[in-house]
């Protein structure tokens, strides 16, 4: 393997590791899993969600988990992930869609937002995590809905069936 081949291989490995962290973030949000959410940021990581929240990554996780717990349900998806790796530093842009269901004035409402996570990353002690996230809101819509199923089969905690197959106990 040439030096160039090894560098390309390492870049591919790093990009996959970063993408996995982005996916874990969505899982942490939907399962209201504080610890998993904390793992997305470095200890000194910053979260800039504009008018919604500005502060530490850990503080954001605490805030959003509390906010989500008051909702009926929610679902986060991520797509179109672009990652630029330069050694132990990286930048990424990921498109996101979030659907949030909650009750308001006796009505079931859904807020659907579309935006992008603009992240700065670093690899410290072999671990990729976010140094700074800037959330860019592209658009959203709020509407009253009639759900065919008010509560789904999923759970918003570690009792969700996914925890039986992802990171199973030895």
N, C-alpha and C. Protein backbone atom coordinates (compact mmCIF):
# COMPACT_ATOMS: atom_id res chain seq x y z
N UNK A 1 0.85 -1.17 0.00
CA UNK A 1 0.00 0.00 0.00
C UNK A 1 0.90 1.24 0.00
N UNK A 2 0.63 2.15 -0.90
CA UNK A 2 1.42 3.38 -0.96
C UNK A 2 0.94 4.36 0.11
N UNK A 3 1.75 5.38 0.34
CA UNK A 3 1.37 6.41 1.31
C UNK A 3 0.06 7.06 0.90
N UNK A 4 -0.11 7.33 -0.38
CA UNK A 4 -1.35 7.93 -0.87
C UNK A 4 -2.55 7.02 -0.62
N UNK A 5 -2.37 5.70 -0.88
CA UNK A 5 -3.45 4.75 -0.61
C UNK A 5 -3.80 4.72 0.87
N UNK A 6 -2.81 4.73 1.73
CA UNK A 6 -3.04 4.71 3.17
C UNK A 6 -3.76 5.98 3.62
N UNK A 7 -3.37 7.12 3.05
CA UNK A 7 -4.04 8.38 3.39
C UNK A 7 -5.50 8.35 2.95
N UNK A 8 -5.77 7.85 1.75
CA UNK A 8 -7.15 7.76 1.27
C UNK A 8 -7.97 6.82 2.13
N UNK A 9 -7.36 5.69 2.51
CA UNK A 9 -8.05 4.74 3.38
C UNK A 9 -8.38 5.39 4.71
N UNK A 10 -7.43 6.09 5.32
CA UNK A 10 -7.66 6.74 6.61
C UNK A 10 -8.74 7.82 6.50
N UNK A 11 -8.74 8.57 5.41
CA UNK A 11 -9.77 9.59 5.20
C UNK A 11 -11.15 8.95 5.12
N UNK A 12 -11.25 7.83 4.43
CA UNK A 12 -12.53 7.11 4.33
C UNK A 12 -12.98 6.61 5.70
N UNK A 13 -12.07 6.06 6.47
CA UNK A 13 -12.38 5.59 7.82
C UNK A 13 -12.85 6.76 8.68
N UNK A 14 -12.16 7.90 8.60
CA UNK A 14 -12.53 9.08 9.39
C UNK A 14 -13.90 9.62 8.99
N UNK A 15 -14.17 9.67 7.69
CA UNK A 15 -15.48 10.14 7.23
C UNK A 15 -16.60 9.23 7.75
N UNK A 16 -16.38 7.94 7.73
CA UNK A 16 -17.40 7.01 8.23
C UNK A 16 -17.60 7.20 9.73
N UNK A 17 -16.52 7.40 10.46
CA UNK A 17 -16.62 7.62 11.91
C UNK A 17 -17.43 8.87 12.21
N UNK A 18 -17.19 9.94 11.46
CA UNK A 18 -17.93 11.19 11.66
C UNK A 18 -19.40 11.00 11.31
N UNK A 19 -19.68 10.33 10.20
CA UNK A 19 -21.08 10.08 9.81
C UNK A 19 -21.80 9.29 10.90
N UNK A 20 -21.13 8.30 11.50
CA UNK A 20 -21.73 7.52 12.58
C UNK A 20 -22.09 8.40 13.77
N UNK A 21 -21.25 9.37 14.09
CA UNK A 21 -21.54 10.28 15.20
C UNK A 21 -22.79 11.10 14.87
N UNK A 22 -22.90 11.57 13.63
CA UNK A 22 -24.09 12.34 13.23
C UNK A 22 -25.35 11.48 13.35
N UNK A 23 -25.27 10.23 12.92
CA UNK A 23 -26.41 9.33 13.05
C UNK A 23 -26.75 9.08 14.52
N UNK A 24 -25.72 8.90 15.36
CA UNK A 24 -25.95 8.69 16.79
C UNK A 24 -26.66 9.87 17.42
N UNK A 25 -26.36 11.07 16.94
CA UNK A 25 -27.02 12.27 17.47
C UNK A 25 -28.54 12.14 17.28
N UNK A 26 -28.97 11.76 16.07
CA UNK A 26 -30.41 11.61 15.80
C UNK A 26 -31.01 10.55 16.71
N UNK A 27 -30.31 9.46 16.91
CA UNK A 27 -30.81 8.40 17.80
C UNK A 27 -30.92 8.93 19.22
N UNK A 28 -29.92 9.66 19.67
CA UNK A 28 -29.96 10.23 21.03
C UNK A 28 -31.16 11.14 21.21
N UNK A 29 -31.46 11.94 20.20
CA UNK A 29 -32.60 12.84 20.29
C UNK A 29 -33.90 12.08 20.38
N UNK A 30 -34.08 11.08 19.53
CA UNK A 30 -35.35 10.35 19.48
C UNK A 30 -35.55 9.40 20.66
N UNK A 31 -34.47 8.94 21.26
CA UNK A 31 -34.57 8.06 22.43
C UNK A 31 -34.41 8.84 23.73
N UNK A 32 -34.24 10.16 23.63
CA UNK A 32 -34.00 11.03 24.80
C UNK A 32 -32.91 10.41 25.67
N UNK A 33 -31.80 10.11 25.02
CA UNK A 33 -30.66 9.43 25.65
C UNK A 33 -29.56 10.47 25.91
N UNK A 34 -29.55 11.02 27.11
CA UNK A 34 -28.58 12.05 27.47
C UNK A 34 -27.14 11.61 27.23
N UNK A 35 -26.78 10.43 27.73
CA UNK A 35 -25.38 9.98 27.64
C UNK A 35 -24.94 9.83 26.18
N UNK A 36 -25.79 9.26 25.36
CA UNK A 36 -25.46 9.12 23.95
C UNK A 36 -25.32 10.50 23.32
N UNK A 37 -26.20 11.42 23.68
CA UNK A 37 -26.12 12.79 23.18
C UNK A 37 -24.84 13.49 23.61
N UNK A 38 -24.44 13.31 24.85
CA UNK A 38 -23.20 13.93 25.33
C UNK A 38 -22.00 13.46 24.51
N UNK A 39 -22.02 12.19 24.06
CA UNK A 39 -20.88 11.62 23.36
C UNK A 39 -20.63 12.25 21.99
N UNK A 40 -21.59 12.99 21.49
CA UNK A 40 -21.47 13.62 20.17
C UNK A 40 -20.52 14.81 20.21
N UNK A 41 -20.46 15.49 21.35
CA UNK A 41 -19.63 16.69 21.50
C UNK A 41 -18.39 16.38 22.33
N UNK A 42 -17.32 17.13 22.06
CA UNK A 42 -16.20 17.15 23.00
C UNK A 42 -16.67 17.92 24.23
N UNK A 43 -16.01 17.72 25.35
CA UNK A 43 -16.39 18.38 26.61
C UNK A 43 -16.53 19.90 26.45
N UNK A 44 -15.67 20.51 25.64
CA UNK A 44 -15.70 21.96 25.44
C UNK A 44 -16.46 22.36 24.18
N UNK A 45 -17.23 21.42 23.61
CA UNK A 45 -17.97 21.68 22.38
C UNK A 45 -19.07 22.72 22.57
N UNK A 46 -19.34 23.45 21.49
CA UNK A 46 -20.30 24.55 21.48
C UNK A 46 -21.46 24.22 20.54
N UNK A 47 -22.68 24.56 20.98
CA UNK A 47 -23.89 24.37 20.17
C UNK A 47 -24.50 25.74 19.91
N UNK A 48 -24.64 26.08 18.63
CA UNK A 48 -25.25 27.35 18.23
C UNK A 48 -26.48 27.03 17.39
N UNK A 49 -27.63 27.08 18.03
CA UNK A 49 -28.90 26.84 17.36
C UNK A 49 -29.68 28.14 17.22
N UNK A 50 -28.96 29.24 17.03
CA UNK A 50 -29.57 30.54 16.83
C UNK A 50 -30.40 30.95 18.03
N UNK A 51 -31.63 31.42 17.77
CA UNK A 51 -32.50 31.90 18.84
C UNK A 51 -32.99 30.78 19.77
N UNK A 52 -32.90 29.52 19.32
CA UNK A 52 -33.37 28.40 20.16
C UNK A 52 -32.44 28.13 21.32
N UNK A 53 -31.13 28.08 21.05
CA UNK A 53 -30.16 27.73 22.09
C UNK A 53 -28.77 28.13 21.64
N UNK A 54 -28.01 28.66 22.58
CA UNK A 54 -26.58 28.91 22.37
C UNK A 54 -25.88 28.57 23.67
N UNK A 55 -24.91 27.68 23.59
CA UNK A 55 -24.19 27.28 24.80
C UNK A 55 -23.37 26.04 24.55
N UNK A 56 -23.13 25.29 25.60
CA UNK A 56 -22.31 24.09 25.48
C UNK A 56 -23.11 22.96 24.80
N UNK A 57 -22.38 22.02 24.21
CA UNK A 57 -23.03 20.85 23.63
C UNK A 57 -23.79 20.07 24.67
N UNK A 58 -23.18 19.88 25.82
CA UNK A 58 -23.84 19.16 26.91
C UNK A 58 -25.10 19.91 27.38
N UNK A 59 -25.00 21.22 27.48
CA UNK A 59 -26.16 22.03 27.87
C UNK A 59 -27.28 21.91 26.86
N UNK A 60 -26.91 21.84 25.57
CA UNK A 60 -27.93 21.68 24.53
C UNK A 60 -28.64 20.35 24.69
N UNK A 61 -27.88 19.28 24.92
CA UNK A 61 -28.49 17.96 25.09
C UNK A 61 -29.48 17.98 26.26
N UNK A 62 -29.09 18.57 27.37
CA UNK A 62 -30.00 18.65 28.52
C UNK A 62 -31.27 19.43 28.15
N UNK A 63 -31.10 20.56 27.49
CA UNK A 63 -32.24 21.40 27.12
C UNK A 63 -33.17 20.67 26.15
N UNK A 64 -32.60 20.09 25.09
CA UNK A 64 -33.45 19.48 24.07
C UNK A 64 -34.11 18.21 24.60
N UNK A 65 -33.44 17.43 25.44
CA UNK A 65 -34.07 16.24 25.99
C UNK A 65 -35.25 16.61 26.88
N UNK A 66 -35.11 17.66 27.67
CA UNK A 66 -36.22 18.13 28.49
C UNK A 66 -37.38 18.61 27.62
N UNK A 67 -37.06 19.34 26.56
CA UNK A 67 -38.08 19.85 25.64
C UNK A 67 -38.79 18.68 24.95
N UNK A 68 -38.03 17.71 24.46
CA UNK A 68 -38.61 16.57 23.75
C UNK A 68 -39.48 15.71 24.68
N UNK A 69 -39.09 15.58 25.93
CA UNK A 69 -39.84 14.74 26.88
C UNK A 69 -41.27 15.26 27.05
N UNK A 70 -41.49 16.56 26.85
CA UNK A 70 -42.82 17.14 26.99
C UNK A 70 -43.68 16.94 25.74
N UNK A 71 -43.10 16.40 24.68
CA UNK A 71 -43.83 16.22 23.43
C UNK A 71 -44.48 14.84 23.35
N UNK A 72 -45.41 14.69 22.43
CA UNK A 72 -46.06 13.40 22.20
C UNK A 72 -45.09 12.44 21.52
N UNK A 73 -44.40 12.93 20.49
CA UNK A 73 -43.41 12.13 19.77
C UNK A 73 -42.57 13.04 18.89
N UNK A 74 -41.48 12.47 18.37
CA UNK A 74 -40.59 13.22 17.49
C UNK A 74 -39.74 12.25 16.70
N UNK A 75 -39.24 12.72 15.57
CA UNK A 75 -38.40 11.89 14.71
C UNK A 75 -37.40 12.77 13.98
N UNK A 76 -36.13 12.39 14.05
CA UNK A 76 -35.05 13.13 13.40
C UNK A 76 -34.43 12.25 12.31
N UNK A 77 -34.23 12.82 11.14
CA UNK A 77 -33.52 12.14 10.06
C UNK A 77 -32.40 13.04 9.56
N UNK A 78 -31.37 12.41 9.04
CA UNK A 78 -30.24 13.15 8.50
C UNK A 78 -29.90 12.55 7.14
N UNK A 79 -29.48 13.41 6.22
CA UNK A 79 -29.16 12.97 4.87
C UNK A 79 -28.16 13.93 4.25
N UNK A 80 -27.72 13.64 3.04
CA UNK A 80 -26.82 14.51 2.29
C UNK A 80 -25.65 14.99 3.14
N UNK A 81 -24.91 14.06 3.69
CA UNK A 81 -23.78 14.40 4.56
C UNK A 81 -22.53 14.59 3.70
N UNK A 82 -21.96 15.78 3.80
CA UNK A 82 -20.68 16.08 3.15
C UNK A 82 -19.64 16.29 4.24
N UNK A 83 -18.49 15.66 4.10
CA UNK A 83 -17.45 15.73 5.12
C UNK A 83 -16.12 16.01 4.45
N UNK A 84 -15.41 16.99 4.98
CA UNK A 84 -14.04 17.33 4.55
C UNK A 84 -13.11 17.03 5.70
N UNK A 85 -12.16 16.12 5.49
CA UNK A 85 -11.21 15.75 6.55
C UNK A 85 -9.84 16.30 6.20
N UNK A 86 -9.20 16.88 7.20
CA UNK A 86 -7.83 17.39 7.06
C UNK A 86 -7.07 17.00 8.32
N UNK A 87 -6.47 15.80 8.28
CA UNK A 87 -5.76 15.30 9.45
C UNK A 87 -6.72 14.99 10.57
N UNK A 88 -6.49 15.61 11.74
CA UNK A 88 -7.36 15.41 12.90
C UNK A 88 -8.42 16.49 13.04
N UNK A 89 -8.68 17.20 11.96
CA UNK A 89 -9.73 18.22 11.92
C UNK A 89 -10.64 17.91 10.74
N UNK A 90 -11.90 18.33 10.86
CA UNK A 90 -12.85 18.09 9.77
C UNK A 90 -13.97 19.11 9.85
N UNK A 91 -14.66 19.24 8.74
CA UNK A 91 -15.88 20.05 8.67
C UNK A 91 -16.94 19.23 7.97
N UNK A 92 -18.20 19.46 8.34
CA UNK A 92 -19.28 18.71 7.69
C UNK A 92 -20.53 19.56 7.58
N UNK A 93 -21.35 19.18 6.61
CA UNK A 93 -22.68 19.74 6.44
C UNK A 93 -23.62 18.55 6.28
N UNK A 94 -24.68 18.52 7.07
CA UNK A 94 -25.66 17.44 7.00
C UNK A 94 -27.06 18.05 6.96
N UNK A 95 -27.85 17.65 6.00
CA UNK A 95 -29.23 18.11 5.91
C UNK A 95 -30.07 17.30 6.90
N UNK A 96 -31.00 17.97 7.58
CA UNK A 96 -31.82 17.29 8.57
C UNK A 96 -33.28 17.61 8.37
N UNK A 97 -34.10 16.68 8.78
CA UNK A 97 -35.54 16.87 8.88
C UNK A 97 -35.94 16.41 10.27
N UNK A 98 -36.72 17.22 10.93
CA UNK A 98 -37.24 16.85 12.25
C UNK A 98 -38.75 17.06 12.24
N UNK A 99 -39.47 16.08 12.76
CA UNK A 99 -40.91 16.19 12.94
C UNK A 99 -41.18 16.09 14.44
N UNK A 100 -41.83 17.11 14.96
CA UNK A 100 -42.13 17.19 16.39
C UNK A 100 -43.65 17.24 16.57
N UNK A 101 -44.19 16.33 17.36
CA UNK A 101 -45.64 16.31 17.63
C UNK A 101 -45.88 16.69 19.08
N UNK A 102 -46.85 17.57 19.26
CA UNK A 102 -47.17 18.03 20.60
C UNK A 102 -48.61 18.50 20.63
N UNK A 103 -49.14 18.60 21.82
CA UNK A 103 -50.50 19.10 21.99
C UNK A 103 -50.45 20.58 22.30
N UNK A 104 -51.34 21.32 21.66
CA UNK A 104 -51.42 22.77 21.86
C UNK A 104 -52.89 23.16 21.81
N UNK A 105 -53.39 23.72 22.88
CA UNK A 105 -54.79 24.14 22.96
C UNK A 105 -55.74 23.00 22.59
N UNK A 106 -55.43 21.78 23.07
CA UNK A 106 -56.29 20.63 22.82
C UNK A 106 -56.19 20.05 21.43
N UNK A 107 -55.26 20.54 20.61
CA UNK A 107 -55.09 20.04 19.25
C UNK A 107 -53.73 19.34 19.13
N UNK A 108 -53.69 18.32 18.29
CA UNK A 108 -52.43 17.65 18.00
C UNK A 108 -51.76 18.41 16.86
N UNK A 109 -50.58 18.92 17.14
CA UNK A 109 -49.84 19.75 16.18
C UNK A 109 -48.55 19.03 15.76
N UNK A 110 -48.10 19.35 14.56
CA UNK A 110 -46.81 18.85 14.10
C UNK A 110 -46.00 19.99 13.53
N UNK A 111 -44.81 20.15 14.06
CA UNK A 111 -43.84 21.09 13.53
C UNK A 111 -42.80 20.28 12.77
N UNK A 112 -42.67 20.55 11.50
CA UNK A 112 -41.66 19.89 10.68
C UNK A 112 -40.63 20.93 10.28
N UNK A 113 -39.40 20.69 10.63
CA UNK A 113 -38.33 21.61 10.30
C UNK A 113 -37.31 20.96 9.38
N UNK A 114 -36.77 21.76 8.51
CA UNK A 114 -35.69 21.30 7.63
C UNK A 114 -34.56 22.30 7.75
N UNK A 115 -33.38 21.75 7.91
CA UNK A 115 -32.23 22.62 8.06
C UNK A 115 -30.95 21.84 7.86
N UNK A 116 -29.87 22.42 8.35
CA UNK A 116 -28.55 21.81 8.17
C UNK A 116 -27.72 21.96 9.44
N UNK A 117 -26.96 20.92 9.72
CA UNK A 117 -25.95 20.99 10.77
C UNK A 117 -24.62 21.31 10.09
N UNK A 118 -24.03 22.41 10.47
CA UNK A 118 -22.71 22.80 9.98
C UNK A 118 -21.76 22.57 11.16
N UNK A 119 -20.96 21.53 11.07
CA UNK A 119 -20.14 21.09 12.20
C UNK A 119 -18.65 21.23 11.95
N UNK A 120 -17.94 21.62 13.01
CA UNK A 120 -16.47 21.58 13.04
C UNK A 120 -16.10 20.46 14.00
N UNK A 121 -15.19 19.63 13.55
CA UNK A 121 -14.82 18.41 14.27
C UNK A 121 -13.34 18.39 14.60
N UNK A 122 -13.02 17.61 15.61
CA UNK A 122 -11.62 17.25 15.84
C UNK A 122 -11.58 15.83 16.38
N UNK A 123 -10.46 15.18 16.09
CA UNK A 123 -10.23 13.84 16.62
C UNK A 123 -9.24 13.98 17.76
N UNK A 124 -9.70 13.65 18.96
CA UNK A 124 -8.86 13.73 20.15
C UNK A 124 -8.80 12.34 20.78
N UNK A 125 -7.60 11.89 21.05
CA UNK A 125 -7.41 10.55 21.63
C UNK A 125 -8.14 9.49 20.81
N UNK A 126 -8.10 9.66 19.48
CA UNK A 126 -8.70 8.68 18.58
C UNK A 126 -10.21 8.78 18.44
N UNK A 127 -10.85 9.80 19.02
CA UNK A 127 -12.31 9.93 19.01
C UNK A 127 -12.74 11.21 18.30
N UNK A 128 -13.56 11.06 17.25
CA UNK A 128 -14.14 12.20 16.56
C UNK A 128 -15.35 12.70 17.33
N UNK A 129 -15.42 14.02 17.55
CA UNK A 129 -16.58 14.63 18.19
C UNK A 129 -16.65 16.09 17.73
N UNK A 130 -17.78 16.71 17.99
CA UNK A 130 -18.03 18.07 17.52
C UNK A 130 -17.35 19.09 18.43
N UNK A 131 -16.65 20.03 17.80
CA UNK A 131 -16.11 21.19 18.50
C UNK A 131 -17.14 22.31 18.49
N UNK A 132 -17.80 22.50 17.35
CA UNK A 132 -18.83 23.53 17.24
C UNK A 132 -19.86 23.12 16.20
N UNK A 133 -21.12 23.21 16.60
CA UNK A 133 -22.22 22.98 15.66
C UNK A 133 -22.97 24.29 15.49
N UNK A 134 -23.22 24.64 14.23
CA UNK A 134 -24.11 25.74 13.89
C UNK A 134 -25.30 25.14 13.15
N UNK A 135 -26.49 25.33 13.71
CA UNK A 135 -27.69 24.85 13.05
C UNK A 135 -28.23 25.97 12.18
N UNK A 136 -28.48 25.65 10.91
CA UNK A 136 -29.06 26.60 9.96
C UNK A 136 -30.46 26.12 9.61
N UNK A 137 -31.46 26.91 9.94
CA UNK A 137 -32.85 26.57 9.63
C UNK A 137 -33.14 27.00 8.19
N UNK A 138 -33.57 26.06 7.35
CA UNK A 138 -33.92 26.41 5.98
C UNK A 138 -35.40 26.78 5.88
N UNK A 139 -36.28 25.96 6.45
CA UNK A 139 -37.70 26.30 6.53
C UNK A 139 -38.40 25.34 7.47
N UNK A 140 -39.62 25.69 7.86
CA UNK A 140 -40.41 24.82 8.70
C UNK A 140 -41.89 25.05 8.42
N UNK A 141 -42.71 24.16 8.93
CA UNK A 141 -44.15 24.38 8.85
C UNK A 141 -44.80 23.79 10.10
N UNK A 142 -45.86 24.43 10.52
CA UNK A 142 -46.61 24.02 11.69
C UNK A 142 -48.05 23.80 11.24
N UNK A 143 -48.60 22.65 11.61
CA UNK A 143 -49.97 22.37 11.21
C UNK A 143 -50.64 21.44 12.21
N UNK A 144 -51.95 21.54 12.24
CA UNK A 144 -52.73 20.60 13.03
C UNK A 144 -52.81 19.30 12.24
N UNK A 145 -52.72 18.19 12.94
CA UNK A 145 -52.78 16.90 12.26
C UNK A 145 -53.81 16.00 12.90
N UNK A 146 -54.22 15.02 12.14
CA UNK A 146 -55.04 13.93 12.65
C UNK A 146 -54.19 12.69 12.49
N UNK A 147 -53.71 12.19 13.59
CA UNK A 147 -52.83 11.02 13.53
C UNK A 147 -53.65 9.75 13.45
N UNK A 148 -53.17 8.78 12.70
CA UNK A 148 -53.83 7.48 12.66
C UNK A 148 -53.39 6.66 13.87
N UNK A 149 -52.29 7.09 14.50
CA UNK A 149 -51.77 6.39 15.66
C UNK A 149 -51.08 7.46 16.53
N UNK A 150 -51.72 7.86 17.60
CA UNK A 150 -51.18 8.94 18.42
C UNK A 150 -49.86 8.52 19.05
N UNK A 151 -49.76 7.30 19.51
CA UNK A 151 -48.52 6.83 20.12
C UNK A 151 -48.03 5.63 19.33
N UNK A 152 -46.81 5.68 18.90
CA UNK A 152 -46.23 4.60 18.11
C UNK A 152 -45.76 3.45 18.97
N UNK A 153 -45.10 2.50 18.36
CA UNK A 153 -44.58 1.35 19.07
C UNK A 153 -43.23 1.63 19.70
N UNK A 154 -42.60 2.68 19.25
CA UNK A 154 -41.28 2.99 19.80
C UNK A 154 -41.43 3.55 21.20
N UNK A 155 -40.31 3.53 21.91
CA UNK A 155 -40.27 4.21 23.20
C UNK A 155 -39.16 5.24 23.13
N UNK A 156 -39.30 6.29 23.89
CA UNK A 156 -38.33 7.36 23.86
C UNK A 156 -37.36 7.22 25.04
N UNK A 157 -36.81 6.01 25.16
CA UNK A 157 -35.85 5.72 26.22
C UNK A 157 -35.09 4.45 25.85
N UNK A 158 -34.33 3.92 26.78
CA UNK A 158 -33.53 2.72 26.52
C UNK A 158 -34.35 1.44 26.48
N UNK A 159 -35.66 1.54 26.66
CA UNK A 159 -36.54 0.37 26.50
C UNK A 159 -36.92 0.15 25.04
N UNK A 160 -36.54 1.08 24.16
CA UNK A 160 -36.84 0.94 22.74
C UNK A 160 -36.19 -0.34 22.22
N UNK A 161 -36.89 -1.08 21.34
CA UNK A 161 -36.35 -2.34 20.81
C UNK A 161 -34.95 -2.22 20.18
N UNK A 162 -34.59 -1.04 19.70
CA UNK A 162 -33.28 -0.89 19.06
C UNK A 162 -32.13 -1.15 20.02
N UNK A 163 -32.33 -0.90 21.31
CA UNK A 163 -31.26 -1.12 22.29
C UNK A 163 -30.98 -2.61 22.51
N UNK A 164 -31.87 -3.49 22.05
CA UNK A 164 -31.63 -4.93 22.16
C UNK A 164 -30.64 -5.41 21.11
N UNK A 165 -30.49 -4.65 20.01
CA UNK A 165 -29.59 -5.10 18.95
C UNK A 165 -28.41 -4.16 18.72
N UNK A 166 -28.52 -2.92 19.12
CA UNK A 166 -27.41 -1.98 18.98
C UNK A 166 -26.73 -1.84 20.33
N UNK A 167 -25.42 -2.06 20.36
CA UNK A 167 -24.65 -2.05 21.60
C UNK A 167 -25.17 -3.05 22.63
N UNK A 168 -25.39 -4.30 22.20
CA UNK A 168 -25.91 -5.28 23.16
C UNK A 168 -24.89 -5.59 24.25
N UNK A 169 -25.39 -5.96 25.40
CA UNK A 169 -24.52 -6.34 26.51
C UNK A 169 -23.81 -7.65 26.16
N UNK A 170 -22.58 -7.83 26.65
CA UNK A 170 -21.85 -9.08 26.34
C UNK A 170 -22.49 -10.30 26.94
